[in-house]
């Protein structure tokens, strides 16, 4: 069969695999935050934790709200394309059969397809990792159009969530720090951190100007202090500080210290939370930031211990389906109010008919969770094998993936609070690294026995 014909057969199968949960649902999957992203594109106003740029991506990807299948199809296409580029630049089979089989395998054994088919920027976090790998270590193997495309996906990911900016900054720094190791061991691919660093720096610098042009505010996506403080509430640091500092008129929270919540979610989202009583989003930022800073000075060891514990918890907290079977009221209201022409299909979806249940995710996680843990372990074994066998490119890729896993766990666990979806969205990269090592091992074995 001609190669182009093979692609015509493999491409729909691979995309269908990556979109399987959404296709089964009958509509793209939504999360509690989805409605907020939709609203951003209509109101052109900033809102805590809801990037206006991802909202504009939803508007553009749906061709002016014709169909929200457009954005998830673009997410699936970008995922498949980056998977193929990663294989090809590693000198691994990257034809239609290999690419489709990889997509099918990841979709069957990991939670990747539940993020690809979701109207949320979560899938962009792992795609950003692949983009930074390709631009930082494999740029010489990309054509000009591919470099531009990879850069465009990276920029979208950077603009779509503030945690992606932090993760990218860390990975670029690690790319630069890898230069001495590459000089010592020639088997390692030569890191080229300049382009990724310029891309990340330019995006970070441009974001406030872009939000000013779009929304009239020179700012990043707001909300950071509340998420950080929520973790301090959950770990008891905020309560300890108030017990020692109060009464003090400088802290409005002193009036509420006897009824402080015990979880970050209750601090941020509960209607009766003291967070709302002292000003809520924006209005409470100064006090939360001050308490965060002063508690860090008073209890540095407690901060370090709880941050480490939250990071480790986030590293292994990775179940598929977090929040997809609840909290849909806001999104229902947004779709009905802003996209009434899409409402019939939206309400007819299995998710809105409450057929997407915790029981379904329990069954899926009986596979996804063990596979995730096994992939993490196998990727570490693959790293050791690659170092011993002189497969420096695979060793570097696997190490890069692990830096991303650890960085994501630190950013989401210690600077916010652990949730399954934060690590679940990115852990499939470990399965990718393990699969690539297996493909290289098999190729080397065949070469020796031929």
Protein backbone atom coordinates (compact mmCIF):
# COMPACT_ATOMS: atom_id res chain seq x y z
CA UNK A 1 0.00 0.00 0.00
CA UNK A 2 1.29 3.49 -0.83
CA UNK A 3 2.58 5.45 2.19
CA UNK A 4 0.03 8.26 1.74
CA UNK A 5 -2.77 5.70 1.68
CA UNK A 6 -1.45 4.26 4.93
CA UNK A 7 -1.60 7.71 6.50
CA UNK A 8 -5.18 8.16 5.29
CA UNK A 9 -6.06 4.94 7.11
CA UNK A 10 -3.94 5.48 10.22
CA UNK A 11 -4.68 9.15 10.88
CA UNK A 12 -8.45 8.80 11.51
CA UNK A 13 -7.85 5.75 13.69
CA UNK A 14 -5.24 7.55 15.79
CA UNK A 15 -7.35 10.69 16.16
CA UNK A 16 -10.41 8.60 17.04
CA UNK A 17 -8.39 6.84 19.75
CA UNK A 18 -7.25 10.16 21.23
CA UNK A 19 -10.83 11.45 21.14
CA UNK A 20 -12.53 8.18 22.14
CA UNK A 21 -14.02 9.40 25.49
CA UNK A 22 -15.40 12.56 23.85
CA UNK A 23 -16.82 10.55 20.94
CA UNK A 24 -18.43 8.12 23.38
CA UNK A 25 -19.76 11.07 25.37
CA UNK A 26 -21.31 12.57 22.24
CA UNK A 27 -19.84 16.00 22.98
CA UNK A 28 -16.43 17.32 24.09
CA UNK A 29 -15.83 16.69 27.77
CA UNK A 30 -16.24 19.64 30.14
CA UNK A 31 -14.93 20.48 33.58
CA UNK A 32 -16.14 22.95 36.21
CA UNK A 33 -13.74 25.56 34.78
CA UNK A 34 -14.81 25.17 31.14
CA UNK A 35 -17.61 27.69 31.40
CA UNK A 36 -15.21 30.26 32.80
CA UNK A 37 -12.96 29.92 29.75
CA UNK A 38 -15.97 30.31 27.43
CA UNK A 39 -17.05 33.41 29.34
CA UNK A 40 -13.58 34.98 28.99
CA UNK A 41 -13.91 35.00 25.20
CA UNK A 42 -17.24 36.82 25.38
CA UNK A 43 -16.57 39.25 28.22
CA UNK A 44 -12.88 39.86 27.45
CA UNK A 45 -12.24 40.30 31.16
CA UNK A 46 -9.65 38.68 33.42
CA UNK A 47 -10.77 36.11 35.95
CA UNK A 48 -8.68 34.20 38.52
CA UNK A 49 -7.34 30.94 37.16
CA UNK A 50 -9.13 31.24 33.80
CA UNK A 51 -6.82 32.29 30.97
CA UNK A 52 -8.42 34.66 28.49
CA UNK A 53 -6.11 33.20 25.85
CA UNK A 54 -7.46 29.67 26.17
CA UNK A 55 -10.95 31.18 25.95
CA UNK A 56 -9.95 32.85 22.69
CA UNK A 57 -8.51 29.52 21.49
CA UNK A 58 -11.92 27.95 22.11
CA UNK A 59 -13.58 30.74 20.13
CA UNK A 60 -11.13 30.52 17.25
CA UNK A 61 -10.88 26.73 17.22
CA UNK A 62 -14.67 26.45 17.06
CA UNK A 63 -14.75 28.89 14.11
CA UNK A 64 -16.72 31.46 16.02
CA UNK A 65 -18.60 28.95 18.19
CA UNK A 66 -19.89 26.89 15.27
CA UNK A 67 -18.85 23.67 17.01
CA UNK A 68 -16.74 22.96 20.07
CA UNK A 69 -15.51 19.81 18.39
CA UNK A 70 -13.03 22.09 16.63
CA UNK A 71 -10.81 22.84 19.68
CA UNK A 72 -10.58 19.21 20.81
CA UNK A 73 -9.82 18.11 17.25
CA UNK A 74 -6.99 20.65 17.19
CA UNK A 75 -5.77 19.33 20.55
CA UNK A 76 -5.84 15.78 19.20
CA UNK A 77 -4.04 16.79 16.02
CA UNK A 78 -1.32 18.65 17.94
CA UNK A 79 -0.86 15.69 20.29
CA UNK A 80 -0.52 13.19 17.45
CA UNK A 81 1.84 15.46 15.50
CA UNK A 82 4.14 16.03 18.48
CA UNK A 83 4.19 12.31 19.24
CA UNK A 84 5.30 11.64 15.67
CA UNK A 85 7.96 14.36 15.78
CA UNK A 86 9.29 12.96 19.06
CA UNK A 87 9.58 9.50 17.53
CA UNK A 88 11.08 10.71 14.29
CA UNK A 89 13.72 12.92 15.87
CA UNK A 90 14.74 9.96 18.06
CA UNK A 91 15.33 7.84 14.93
CA UNK A 92 12.49 5.55 15.93
CA UNK A 93 9.73 4.26 13.63
CA UNK A 94 7.44 7.23 13.00
CA UNK A 95 5.39 6.07 10.05
CA UNK A 96 1.61 5.71 10.00
CA UNK A 97 1.52 2.31 11.66
CA UNK A 98 3.98 3.15 14.47
CA UNK A 99 2.38 6.54 15.18
CA UNK A 100 -1.14 5.13 15.20
CA UNK A 101 -0.16 2.18 17.40
CA UNK A 102 1.50 4.52 19.88
CA UNK A 103 -1.63 6.71 20.02
CA UNK A 104 -3.84 3.64 20.41
CA UNK A 105 -1.65 2.21 23.16
CA UNK A 106 -1.48 5.44 25.14
CA UNK A 107 -5.23 5.96 24.77
CA UNK A 108 -6.01 2.44 25.95
CA UNK A 109 -3.62 2.32 28.90
CA UNK A 110 -3.35 5.91 30.16
CA UNK A 111 -5.63 8.89 30.74
CA UNK A 112 -4.32 10.91 27.78
CA UNK A 113 -7.56 10.77 25.77
CA UNK A 114 -9.61 12.12 28.71
CA UNK A 115 -7.51 15.30 28.54
CA UNK A 116 -7.24 15.56 24.75
CA UNK A 117 -11.03 15.52 24.38
CA UNK A 118 -11.68 17.96 27.22
CA UNK A 119 -12.36 21.68 26.79
CA UNK A 120 -9.59 22.54 29.21
CA UNK A 121 -5.93 23.55 28.79
CA UNK A 122 -4.68 20.54 30.77
CA UNK A 123 -3.45 18.61 27.71
CA UNK A 124 -1.28 21.59 26.75
CA UNK A 125 1.00 21.04 29.78
CA UNK A 126 2.50 17.73 28.53
CA UNK A 127 2.52 19.06 24.96
CA UNK A 128 4.61 21.99 26.22
CA UNK A 129 7.13 19.51 27.62
CA UNK A 130 7.45 17.84 24.21
CA UNK A 131 7.76 21.25 22.52
CA UNK A 132 10.58 22.33 24.82
CA UNK A 133 12.34 19.00 24.30
CA UNK A 134 12.15 19.33 20.53
CA UNK A 135 13.26 22.97 20.50
CA UNK A 136 15.95 22.49 23.13
CA UNK A 137 17.46 19.18 22.07
CA UNK A 138 16.21 18.25 18.61
CA UNK A 139 15.83 21.56 16.79
CA UNK A 140 18.43 20.62 14.15
CA UNK A 141 16.19 17.73 13.08
CA UNK A 142 13.13 19.90 12.50
CA UNK A 143 12.19 21.71 9.32
CA UNK A 144 11.41 25.42 9.43
CA UNK A 145 7.66 24.84 9.28
CA UNK A 146 7.94 22.28 12.07
CA UNK A 147 9.91 24.70 14.25
CA UNK A 148 7.24 27.37 13.76
CA UNK A 149 4.44 24.91 14.52
CA UNK A 150 6.14 23.57 17.65
CA UNK A 151 6.75 27.14 18.81
CA UNK A 152 3.11 28.06 18.22
CA UNK A 153 1.88 25.12 20.35
CA UNK A 154 4.35 26.11 23.07
CA UNK A 155 3.13 29.73 23.08
CA UNK A 156 -0.50 28.62 23.35
CA UNK A 157 0.40 26.35 26.27
CA UNK A 158 2.36 29.12 28.00
CA UNK A 159 -0.49 31.62 27.65
CA UNK A 160 -3.17 29.13 28.69
CA UNK A 161 -2.09 28.52 32.29
CA UNK A 162 0.32 30.19 34.70
CA UNK A 163 1.58 26.82 35.97
CA UNK A 164 2.84 26.10 32.45
CA UNK A 165 4.98 29.23 32.57
CA UNK A 166 6.58 28.09 35.83
CA UNK A 167 7.15 24.58 34.48
CA UNK A 168 8.65 25.93 31.26
CA UNK A 169 11.02 28.25 33.13
CA UNK A 170 12.29 25.30 35.16
CA UNK A 171 12.76 23.06 32.13
CA UNK A 172 14.62 25.78 30.21
CA UNK A 173 16.93 26.27 33.19
CA UNK A 174 17.57 22.51 33.30
CA UNK A 175 18.30 22.53 29.56
CA UNK A 176 20.95 25.18 30.12
CA UNK A 177 22.40 23.30 33.10
CA UNK A 178 22.72 20.18 30.92
CA UNK A 179 25.39 21.85 28.77
CA UNK A 180 28.38 20.77 30.93
CA UNK A 181 27.13 17.17 31.05
CA UNK A 182 26.79 17.09 27.26
CA UNK A 183 30.34 18.36 26.85
CA UNK A 184 31.64 15.59 29.08
CA UNK A 185 29.60 12.78 27.56
CA UNK A 186 29.42 13.02 23.80
CA UNK A 187 26.59 10.49 23.60
CA UNK A 188 24.19 13.06 25.04
CA UNK A 189 22.43 15.33 22.57
CA UNK A 190 23.78 18.87 22.66
CA UNK A 191 21.35 21.12 24.56
CA UNK A 192 20.40 24.33 22.77
CA UNK A 193 18.60 26.40 25.39
CA UNK A 194 18.69 29.77 23.62
CA UNK A 195 15.56 29.44 21.46
CA UNK A 196 13.40 27.87 24.22
CA UNK A 197 14.63 30.51 26.67
CA UNK A 198 13.83 33.35 24.27
CA UNK A 199 10.42 31.83 23.49
CA UNK A 200 9.48 31.52 27.17
CA UNK A 201 10.90 34.94 28.09
CA UNK A 202 9.15 36.66 25.17
CA UNK A 203 5.81 35.03 26.03
CA UNK A 204 6.10 35.95 29.71
CA UNK A 205 7.02 39.52 28.80
CA UNK A 206 4.28 39.83 26.20
CA UNK A 207 1.43 38.38 28.25
CA UNK A 208 0.63 41.54 30.30
CA UNK A 209 0.76 43.69 27.16
CA UNK A 210 -1.54 41.29 25.35
CA UNK A 211 -4.03 41.24 28.24
CA UNK A 212 -3.94 45.05 28.24
CA UNK A 213 -4.70 45.11 24.50
CA UNK A 214 -7.51 42.57 24.87
CA UNK A 215 -8.97 43.24 28.31
CA UNK A 216 -7.62 46.67 29.22
CA UNK A 217 -5.57 45.35 32.15
CA UNK A 218 -1.78 45.13 32.22
CA UNK A 219 -1.59 41.88 34.19
CA UNK A 220 -1.04 38.14 34.16
CA UNK A 221 -3.93 35.75 34.72
CA UNK A 222 -4.83 36.57 38.35
CA UNK A 223 -5.49 34.28 41.32
CA UNK A 224 -2.04 33.08 42.39
CA UNK A 225 -2.07 34.30 46.03
CA UNK A 226 -5.36 32.53 46.78
CA UNK A 227 -4.16 29.16 45.47
CA UNK A 228 -0.89 29.39 47.39
CA UNK A 229 -2.67 30.46 50.58
CA UNK A 230 -5.18 27.64 50.15
CA UNK A 231 -2.35 25.15 50.52
CA UNK A 232 -1.20 26.91 53.70
CA UNK A 233 -4.73 26.60 55.07
CA UNK A 234 -4.86 22.92 54.15
CA UNK A 235 -1.53 22.23 55.87
CA UNK A 236 -2.36 24.25 59.01
CA UNK A 237 0.29 26.92 58.51
CA UNK A 238 -2.21 29.76 58.17
CA UNK A 239 -4.08 28.64 61.30
CA UNK A 240 -0.87 28.44 63.33
CA UNK A 241 0.12 31.94 62.24
CA UNK A 242 -3.27 33.40 63.17
CA UNK A 243 -3.23 31.65 66.57
CA UNK A 244 0.10 33.31 67.34
CA UNK A 245 -0.47 36.71 65.68
CA UNK A 246 -4.05 37.46 66.72
CA UNK A 247 -5.56 39.64 67.94
CA UNK A 248 -4.04 42.15 65.56
CA UNK A 249 -6.04 44.78 63.63
CA UNK A 250 -3.61 44.40 60.74
CA UNK A 251 -5.13 40.99 59.94
CA UNK A 252 -8.81 40.84 59.05
CA UNK A 253 -8.62 37.06 59.29
CA UNK A 254 -8.22 37.32 63.06
CA UNK A 255 -12.01 37.74 63.23
CA UNK A 256 -12.44 34.36 61.52
CA UNK A 257 -9.61 32.29 62.96
CA UNK A 258 -11.99 30.07 64.92
CA UNK A 259 -13.80 29.01 61.76
CA UNK A 260 -10.99 28.68 59.26
CA UNK A 261 -11.57 25.89 56.70
CA UNK A 262 -9.36 22.82 56.75
CA UNK A 263 -9.00 22.28 53.00
CA UNK A 264 -7.81 24.48 50.16
CA UNK A 265 -10.99 23.84 48.16
CA UNK A 266 -13.17 25.04 51.04
CA UNK A 267 -10.97 28.10 51.52
CA UNK A 268 -11.27 29.14 47.86
CA UNK A 269 -14.72 27.93 46.82
CA UNK A 270 -17.02 27.55 49.86
CA UNK A 271 -19.65 30.25 50.07
CA UNK A 272 -19.06 30.78 53.80
CA UNK A 273 -15.26 30.88 53.55
CA UNK A 274 -13.47 33.76 55.34
CA UNK A 275 -11.71 34.27 52.01
CA UNK A 276 -14.87 35.87 50.65
CA UNK A 277 -15.49 37.79 53.87
CA UNK A 278 -12.13 39.61 53.63
CA UNK A 279 -12.50 40.59 49.98
CA UNK A 280 -12.24 37.43 47.89
CA UNK A 281 -10.40 37.48 44.58
CA UNK A 282 -8.22 40.55 44.43
CA UNK A 283 -9.49 42.09 47.64
CA UNK A 284 -7.83 39.52 49.87
CA UNK A 285 -4.55 39.27 47.93
CA UNK A 286 -2.54 41.72 50.05
CA UNK A 287 -3.39 40.05 53.35
CA UNK A 288 -2.85 36.52 52.02
CA UNK A 289 0.49 37.48 50.50
CA UNK A 290 1.61 39.15 53.73
CA UNK A 291 0.68 36.14 55.87
CA UNK A 292 2.37 33.81 53.38
CA UNK A 293 5.57 35.87 53.50
CA UNK A 294 5.61 36.34 57.28
CA UNK A 295 4.76 32.70 58.01
CA UNK A 296 7.63 31.68 55.74
CA UNK A 297 9.96 33.81 57.87
CA UNK A 298 8.56 32.35 61.11
CA UNK A 299 8.21 28.69 60.14
CA UNK A 300 10.65 27.96 57.30
CA UNK A 301 11.03 24.32 58.28
CA UNK A 302 7.26 23.77 58.44
CA UNK A 303 6.92 25.35 55.00
CA UNK A 304 9.67 23.11 53.63
CA UNK A 305 8.26 19.94 55.17
CA UNK A 306 4.67 20.55 54.04
CA UNK A 307 5.79 21.61 50.55
CA UNK A 308 7.84 18.43 50.20
CA UNK A 309 4.94 16.32 51.46
CA UNK A 310 2.52 18.00 49.03
CA UNK A 311 4.96 17.49 46.15
CA UNK A 312 5.32 13.79 46.91
CA UNK A 313 1.56 13.44 47.32
CA UNK A 314 1.00 15.16 43.98
CA UNK A 315 3.58 12.94 42.28
CA UNK A 316 1.49 9.83 43.00
CA UNK A 317 -1.97 11.44 42.93
CA UNK A 318 -2.90 10.86 39.29
CA UNK A 319 -6.26 9.15 38.84
CA UNK A 320 -8.23 9.74 35.66
CA UNK A 321 -11.60 11.52 35.86
CA UNK A 322 -11.00 14.04 38.63
CA UNK A 323 -14.02 16.36 38.67
CA UNK A 324 -15.58 15.10 35.43
CA UNK A 325 -18.59 13.58 37.20
CA UNK A 326 -19.52 16.63 39.30
CA UNK A 327 -19.69 20.43 39.48
CA UNK A 328 -21.24 20.89 36.03
CA UNK A 329 -23.79 23.55 37.01
CA UNK A 330 -21.59 26.51 36.08
CA UNK A 331 -20.73 25.08 32.67
CA UNK A 332 -24.40 24.27 32.02
CA UNK A 333 -25.28 27.88 32.81
CA UNK A 334 -22.50 29.23 30.60
CA UNK A 335 -23.41 27.10 27.58
CA UNK A 336 -27.11 27.90 27.95
CA UNK A 337 -26.44 31.61 28.34
CA UNK A 338 -23.63 32.17 25.86
CA UNK A 339 -24.00 29.31 23.36
CA UNK A 340 -27.72 28.48 23.22
CA UNK A 341 -27.42 27.05 19.70
CA UNK A 342 -25.07 24.37 21.12
CA UNK A 343 -27.25 23.61 24.12
CA UNK A 344 -29.25 20.67 22.67
CA UNK A 345 -26.14 18.64 21.86
CA UNK A 346 -24.50 19.63 25.12
CA UNK A 347 -27.47 18.52 27.24
CA UNK A 348 -27.78 15.27 25.29
CA UNK A 349 -24.19 14.25 26.10
CA UNK A 350 -23.65 11.32 28.43
CA UNK A 351 -21.80 13.59 30.85
CA UNK A 352 -24.83 15.86 31.25
CA UNK A 353 -27.12 12.84 31.56
CA UNK A 354 -24.91 11.74 34.49
CA UNK A 355 -23.67 8.61 32.73
CA UNK A 356 -20.06 9.68 33.33
CA UNK A 357 -19.83 8.30 36.85
CA UNK A 358 -17.28 7.57 39.54
CA UNK A 359 -17.93 3.87 38.90
CA UNK A 360 -16.72 4.34 35.32
CA UNK A 361 -13.52 6.01 36.52
CA UNK A 362 -12.96 3.36 39.17
CA UNK A 363 -12.94 0.77 36.39
CA UNK A 364 -10.63 2.87 34.22
CA UNK A 365 -8.27 3.57 37.09
CA UNK A 366 -7.94 -0.14 37.77
CA UNK A 367 -5.83 0.02 34.59
CA UNK A 368 -4.62 3.63 34.40
CA UNK A 369 -3.15 3.90 37.90
CA UNK A 370 -1.07 0.68 37.85
CA UNK A 371 0.09 1.50 34.33
CA UNK A 372 1.12 4.99 35.46
CA UNK A 373 3.13 3.67 38.40
CA UNK A 374 4.64 0.91 36.26
CA UNK A 375 5.53 3.43 33.56
CA UNK A 376 7.27 5.63 36.08
CA UNK A 377 9.29 2.69 37.34
CA UNK A 378 10.06 1.38 33.84
CA UNK A 379 11.13 4.82 32.65
CA UNK A 380 13.67 4.96 35.47
CA UNK A 381 14.95 1.52 34.46
CA UNK A 382 15.03 2.74 30.86
CA UNK A 383 17.10 5.72 31.96
CA UNK A 384 19.63 3.42 33.64
CA UNK A 385 19.73 1.13 30.59
CA UNK A 386 20.13 4.04 28.18
CA UNK A 387 23.06 5.44 30.18
CA UNK A 388 24.76 2.04 30.30
CA UNK A 389 24.09 1.25 26.63
CA UNK A 390 25.30 4.59 25.33
CA UNK A 391 21.84 5.71 24.19
CA UNK A 392 22.37 9.28 25.28
CA UNK A 393 19.40 10.77 23.45
CA UNK A 394 16.94 8.44 25.17
CA UNK A 395 18.64 8.99 28.53
CA UNK A 396 18.30 12.76 28.06
CA UNK A 397 14.65 12.50 26.98
CA UNK A 398 13.72 10.29 29.94
CA UNK A 399 15.53 12.59 32.36
CA UNK A 400 13.72 15.57 30.79
CA UNK A 401 10.38 13.81 31.29
CA UNK A 402 11.20 13.11 34.91
CA UNK A 403 12.19 16.72 35.50
CA UNK A 404 8.79 17.66 34.07
CA UNK A 405 6.98 15.17 36.32
CA UNK A 406 8.79 16.44 39.42
CA UNK A 407 8.41 20.08 38.42
CA UNK A 408 4.71 19.68 37.77
CA UNK A 409 4.26 17.95 41.15
CA UNK A 410 6.13 20.76 42.91
CA UNK A 411 4.25 23.57 41.18
CA UNK A 412 0.79 22.05 41.50
CA UNK A 413 1.27 20.32 44.84
CA UNK A 414 3.31 22.82 46.83
CA UNK A 415 2.13 26.07 45.24
CA UNK A 416 -1.52 25.04 45.01
CA UNK A 417 -2.72 21.74 46.46
CA UNK A 418 -2.64 18.16 45.16
CA UNK A 419 -5.36 17.05 42.76
CA UNK A 420 -5.47 13.94 40.62
CA UNK A 421 -5.95 15.82 37.36
CA UNK A 422 -2.79 17.90 37.81
CA UNK A 423 -0.46 14.88 37.61
CA UNK A 424 -2.82 12.66 35.62
CA UNK A 425 -2.60 15.08 32.68
CA UNK A 426 1.18 14.69 32.39
CA UNK A 427 2.10 11.23 33.71
CA UNK A 428 1.52 9.57 30.32
CA UNK A 429 4.86 11.07 29.29
CA UNK A 430 6.50 8.39 31.45
CA UNK A 431 4.71 5.73 29.42
CA UNK A 432 5.94 7.44 26.24
CA UNK A 433 9.54 7.42 27.50
CA UNK A 434 9.29 3.74 28.47
CA UNK A 435 7.77 2.84 25.08
CA UNK A 436 10.51 4.70 23.21
CA UNK A 437 13.20 2.89 25.19
CA UNK A 438 11.53 -0.45 24.39
CA UNK A 439 11.46 0.44 20.69
CA UNK A 440 15.17 1.33 20.73
CA UNK A 441 16.07 -1.82 22.66
CA UNK A 442 14.16 -3.96 20.17
CA UNK A 443 15.84 -2.25 17.21
CA UNK A 444 19.29 -2.79 18.72
CA UNK A 445 18.50 -6.42 19.49
CA UNK A 446 17.30 -7.06 15.95
CA UNK A 447 20.43 -5.40 14.62
CA UNK A 448 22.66 -7.70 16.67
CA UNK A 449 20.78 -10.85 15.66
CA UNK A 450 20.41 -9.98 11.96
